[in-house]
Amino acid sequence: MSALSPVAMLVPMIAMVALTAIVWVRLYVERIGEMRERRIDPQAVATARAAATVLTRTQAAENLRNLFEMPVLFYALCLAVVSAGVTTPFLVNGAWAYVVLRAVHSLIHCTYNRVMHRFAIYVASSVLLFVLWAAFVVRVV
């Protein structure tokens, strides 16, 4: 496999940041809207536990938390690939596939929230991420 420009690996990482920003905006639009509609005092949702018991629209908040779990390994992988100078078509295409899977996961989570659909996408994205890490390790070892 031939090496590509490091920028090729940074673009999917930037797309992942954009996805996180979109979910963050959705969270605050929903949260502020619900708090205004139901006249909820902001202090009533001062903690995550309180918010979960008071608010009914919590999917975007839960999804935002998810975007700081497994994707942390994705960000680390992208930076490691760029740092090691081993950007390949497989790694770049895999990174884009990961971003697409995470976007589908977020779409499911923030809309109809069918757990088994969301779980299948989560597993696929996680397995892909570990395969990408393995491919990276093979390239640098």
C-alpha atoms as a PDB file:
ATOM      1  CA  MET A   1       0.000   0.000   0.000  1.00  0.00           C
ATOM      2  CA  SER A   2       1.314   3.412  -0.880  1.00  0.00           C
ATOM      3  CA  ALA A   3       1.426   6.283   1.577  1.00  0.00           C
ATOM      4  CA  LEU A   4      -0.961   9.192   1.126  1.00  0.00           C
ATOM      5  CA  SER A   5      -0.808  12.770   2.310  1.00  0.00           C
ATOM      6  CA  PRO A   6      -1.400  12.940   6.081  1.00  0.00           C
ATOM      7  CA  VAL A   7      -4.243  15.378   5.371  1.00  0.00           C
ATOM      8  CA  ALA A   8      -6.215  12.465   3.917  1.00  0.00           C
ATOM      9  CA  MET A   9      -6.413  10.947   7.419  1.00  0.00           C
ATOM     10  CA  LEU A  10      -7.227  14.232   9.119  1.00  0.00           C
ATOM     11  CA  VAL A  11     -10.330  14.950   7.031  1.00  0.00           C
ATOM     12  CA  PRO A  12     -12.393  12.037   8.466  1.00  0.00           C
ATOM     13  CA  MET A  13     -11.278  13.150  11.918  1.00  0.00           C
ATOM     14  CA  ILE A  14     -12.577  16.652  11.181  1.00  0.00           C
ATOM     15  CA  ALA A  15     -15.840  15.096   9.947  1.00  0.00           C
ATOM     16  CA  MET A  16     -16.147  13.270  13.278  1.00  0.00           C
ATOM     17  CA  VAL A  17     -15.714  16.568  15.106  1.00  0.00           C
ATOM     18  CA  ALA A  18     -18.445  18.039  12.877  1.00  0.00           C
ATOM     19  CA  LEU A  19     -20.764  15.141  13.760  1.00  0.00           C
ATOM     20  CA  THR A  20     -20.115  15.777  17.443  1.00  0.00           C
ATOM     21  CA  ALA A  21     -20.895  19.480  16.965  1.00  0.00           C
ATOM     22  CA  ILE A  22     -24.171  18.652  15.196  1.00  0.00           C
ATOM     23  CA  VAL A  23     -25.264  16.386  18.058  1.00  0.00           C
ATOM     24  CA  TRP A  24     -24.213  19.055  20.563  1.00  0.00           C
ATOM     25  CA  VAL A  25     -26.385  21.666  18.807  1.00  0.00           C
ATOM     26  CA  ARG A  26     -29.313  19.229  18.699  1.00  0.00           C
ATOM     27  CA  LEU A  27     -28.878  18.558  22.418  1.00  0.00           C
ATOM     28  CA  TYR A  28     -29.080  22.211  23.332  1.00  0.00           C
ATOM     29  CA  VAL A  29     -31.942  23.017  20.972  1.00  0.00           C
ATOM     30  CA  GLU A  30     -33.962  20.141  22.437  1.00  0.00           C
ATOM     31  CA  ARG A  31     -32.942  20.765  26.030  1.00  0.00           C
ATOM     32  CA  ILE A  32     -33.620  24.512  26.017  1.00  0.00           C
ATOM     33  CA  GLY A  33     -36.864  23.943  24.097  1.00  0.00           C
ATOM     34  CA  GLU A  34     -38.110  21.365  26.577  1.00  0.00           C
ATOM     35  CA  MET A  35     -37.095  23.475  29.558  1.00  0.00           C
ATOM     36  CA  ARG A  36     -38.965  26.478  28.144  1.00  0.00           C
ATOM     37  CA  GLU A  37     -42.057  24.446  27.184  1.00  0.00           C
ATOM     38  CA  ARG A  38     -42.293  22.772  30.568  1.00  0.00           C
ATOM     39  CA  ARG A  39     -41.001  25.804  32.528  1.00  0.00           C
ATOM     40  CA  ILE A  40     -38.220  23.791  34.139  1.00  0.00           C
ATOM     41  CA  ASP A  41     -35.889  25.777  36.372  1.00  0.00           C
ATOM     42  CA  PRO A  42     -32.287  25.322  35.116  1.00  0.00           C
ATOM     43  CA  GLN A  43     -31.195  24.431  38.659  1.00  0.00           C
ATOM     44  CA  ALA A  44     -33.537  21.414  38.520  1.00  0.00           C
ATOM     45  CA  VAL A  45     -31.224  19.851  35.914  1.00  0.00           C
ATOM     46  CA  ALA A  46     -27.918  20.834  37.507  1.00  0.00           C
ATOM     47  CA  THR A  47     -26.551  17.274  37.340  1.00  0.00           C
ATOM     48  CA  ALA A  48     -26.754  14.536  34.718  1.00  0.00           C
ATOM     49  CA  ARG A  49     -28.777  12.388  37.136  1.00  0.00           C
ATOM     50  CA  ALA A  50     -31.253  15.201  37.774  1.00  0.00           C
ATOM     51  CA  ALA A  51     -31.538  15.953  34.062  1.00  0.00           C
ATOM     52  CA  ALA A  52     -32.273  12.289  33.338  1.00  0.00           C
ATOM     53  CA  THR A  53     -35.117  12.256  35.867  1.00  0.00           C
ATOM     54  CA  VAL A  54     -36.613  15.649  34.981  1.00  0.00           C
ATOM     55  CA  LEU A  55     -36.209  15.831  31.204  1.00  0.00           C
ATOM     56  CA  THR A  56     -37.947  13.514  28.758  1.00  0.00           C
ATOM     57  CA  ARG A  57     -35.815  14.234  25.673  1.00  0.00           C
ATOM     58  CA  THR A  58     -32.451  12.751  26.652  1.00  0.00           C
ATOM     59  CA  GLN A  59     -31.366  10.881  23.507  1.00  0.00           C
ATOM     60  CA  ALA A  60     -29.118  13.648  22.146  1.00  0.00           C
ATOM     61  CA  ALA A  61     -27.402  13.995  25.541  1.00  0.00           C
ATOM     62  CA  GLU A  62     -26.843  10.248  25.691  1.00  0.00           C
ATOM     63  CA  ASN A  63     -25.526  10.230  22.128  1.00  0.00           C
ATOM     64  CA  LEU A  64     -23.158  13.110  22.855  1.00  0.00           C
ATOM     65  CA  ARG A  65     -21.721  11.077  25.744  1.00  0.00           C
ATOM     66  CA  ASN A  66     -21.325   8.121  23.340  1.00  0.00           C
ATOM     67  CA  LEU A  67     -19.311  10.343  21.000  1.00  0.00           C
ATOM     68  CA  PHE A  68     -16.675  10.646  23.738  1.00  0.00           C
ATOM     69  CA  GLU A  69     -16.317   6.923  24.348  1.00  0.00           C
ATOM     70  CA  MET A  70     -15.110   4.713  21.439  1.00  0.00           C
ATOM     71  CA  PRO A  71     -14.455   7.690  19.121  1.00  0.00           C
ATOM     72  CA  VAL A  72     -11.618   8.727  21.438  1.00  0.00           C
ATOM     73  CA  LEU A  73      -9.752   5.694  20.072  1.00  0.00           C
ATOM     74  CA  PHE A  74     -10.597   6.891  16.558  1.00  0.00           C
ATOM     75  CA  TYR A  75      -9.071  10.310  17.190  1.00  0.00           C
ATOM     76  CA  ALA A  76      -5.989   8.679  18.704  1.00  0.00           C
ATOM     77  CA  LEU A  77      -5.686   6.390  15.681  1.00  0.00           C
ATOM     78  CA  CYS A  78      -5.933   9.262  13.196  1.00  0.00           C
ATOM     79  CA  LEU A  79      -3.266  11.240  15.008  1.00  0.00           C
ATOM     80  CA  ALA A  80      -1.036   8.170  15.384  1.00  0.00           C
ATOM     81  CA  VAL A  81      -1.310   7.378  11.663  1.00  0.00           C
ATOM     82  CA  VAL A  82      -0.407  10.941  10.734  1.00  0.00           C
ATOM     83  CA  SER A  83       2.429  11.101  13.283  1.00  0.00           C
ATOM     84  CA  ALA A  84       3.921   7.829  12.065  1.00  0.00           C
ATOM     85  CA  GLY A  85       3.549   8.870   8.422  1.00  0.00           C
ATOM     86  CA  VAL A  86       1.757   5.678   7.428  1.00  0.00           C
ATOM     87  CA  THR A  87      -1.442   7.050   5.882  1.00  0.00           C
ATOM     88  CA  THR A  88      -2.734   4.429   3.430  1.00  0.00           C
ATOM     89  CA  PRO A  89      -5.886   4.104   1.298  1.00  0.00           C
ATOM     90  CA  PHE A  90      -7.105   1.283   3.555  1.00  0.00           C
ATOM     91  CA  LEU A  91      -6.745   3.408   6.682  1.00  0.00           C
ATOM     92  CA  VAL A  92      -8.339   6.479   5.078  1.00  0.00           C
ATOM     93  CA  ASN A  93     -11.262   4.527   3.603  1.00  0.00           C
ATOM     94  CA  GLY A  94     -11.696   2.697   6.897  1.00  0.00           C
ATOM     95  CA  ALA A  95     -11.694   6.002   8.757  1.00  0.00           C
ATOM     96  CA  TRP A  96     -14.430   7.315   6.460  1.00  0.00           C
ATOM     97  CA  ALA A  97     -16.435   4.112   6.958  1.00  0.00           C
ATOM     98  CA  TYR A  98     -16.093   4.576  10.724  1.00  0.00           C
ATOM     99  CA  VAL A  99     -17.388   8.143  10.500  1.00  0.00           C
ATOM    100  CA  VAL A 100     -20.355   7.009   8.389  1.00  0.00           C
ATOM    101  CA  LEU A 101     -21.187   4.231  10.870  1.00  0.00           C
ATOM    102  CA  ARG A 102     -20.996   6.656  13.781  1.00  0.00           C
ATOM    103  CA  ALA A 103     -23.215   9.127  11.904  1.00  0.00           C
ATOM    104  CA  VAL A 104     -25.786   6.362  11.335  1.00  0.00           C
ATOM    105  CA  HIS A 105     -25.517   5.447  15.031  1.00  0.00           C
ATOM    106  CA  SER A 106     -26.167   9.075  15.998  1.00  0.00           C
ATOM    107  CA  LEU A 107     -29.071   9.333  13.566  1.00  0.00           C
ATOM    108  CA  ILE A 108     -30.708   6.239  15.042  1.00  0.00           C
ATOM    109  CA  HIS A 109     -29.980   7.321  18.612  1.00  0.00           C
ATOM    110  CA  CYS A 110     -31.303  10.863  18.159  1.00  0.00           C
ATOM    111  CA  THR A 111     -34.449   9.841  16.240  1.00  0.00           C
ATOM    112  CA  TYR A 112     -36.333   6.569  16.577  1.00  0.00           C
ATOM    113  CA  ASN A 113     -33.764   4.979  18.947  1.00  0.00           C
ATOM    114  CA  ARG A 114     -34.311   1.288  18.174  1.00  0.00           C
ATOM    115  CA  VAL A 115     -31.744  -0.350  20.461  1.00  0.00           C
ATOM    116  CA  MET A 116     -30.956  -3.390  18.307  1.00  0.00           C
ATOM    117  CA  HIS A 117     -30.402  -1.212  15.216  1.00  0.00           C
ATOM    118  CA  ARG A 118     -28.166   1.107  17.195  1.00  0.00           C
ATOM    119  CA  PHE A 119     -26.311  -1.821  18.757  1.00  0.00           C
ATOM    120  CA  ALA A 120     -25.620  -3.469  15.385  1.00  0.00           C
ATOM    121  CA  ILE A 121     -24.085  -0.235  14.094  1.00  0.00           C
ATOM    122  CA  TYR A 122     -22.124   0.202  17.321  1.00  0.00           C
ATOM    123  CA  VAL A 123     -20.656  -3.298  17.039  1.00  0.00           C
ATOM    124  CA  ALA A 124     -19.799  -2.814  13.344  1.00  0.00           C
ATOM    125  CA  SER A 125     -18.087   0.509  14.050  1.00  0.00           C
ATOM    126  CA  SER A 126     -16.178  -0.896  17.036  1.00  0.00           C
ATOM    127  CA  VAL A 127     -14.957  -3.954  15.131  1.00  0.00           C
ATOM    128  CA  LEU A 128     -13.903  -1.700  12.251  1.00  0.00           C
ATOM    129  CA  LEU A 129     -12.019   0.555  14.649  1.00  0.00           C
ATOM    130  CA  PHE A 130     -10.096  -2.387  16.106  1.00  0.00           C
ATOM    131  CA  VAL A 131      -9.305  -3.650  12.588  1.00  0.00           C
ATOM    132  CA  LEU A 132      -7.969  -0.203  11.714  1.00  0.00           C
ATOM    133  CA  TRP A 133      -5.829  -0.206  14.840  1.00  0.00           C
ATOM    134  CA  ALA A 134      -4.492  -3.654  13.912  1.00  0.00           C
ATOM    135  CA  ALA A 135      -3.682  -2.447  10.381  1.00  0.00           C
ATOM    136  CA  PHE A 136      -1.865   0.547  11.864  1.00  0.00           C
ATOM    137  CA  VAL A 137       0.152  -1.647  14.220  1.00  0.00           C
ATOM    138  CA  VAL A 138       1.129  -3.939  11.324  1.00  0.00           C
ATOM    139  CA  ARG A 139       2.327  -0.884   9.359  1.00  0.00           C
ATOM    140  CA  VAL A 140       4.510   0.475  12.158  1.00  0.00           C
ATOM    141  CA  VAL A 141       5.924  -2.748  13.617  1.00  0.00           C
END
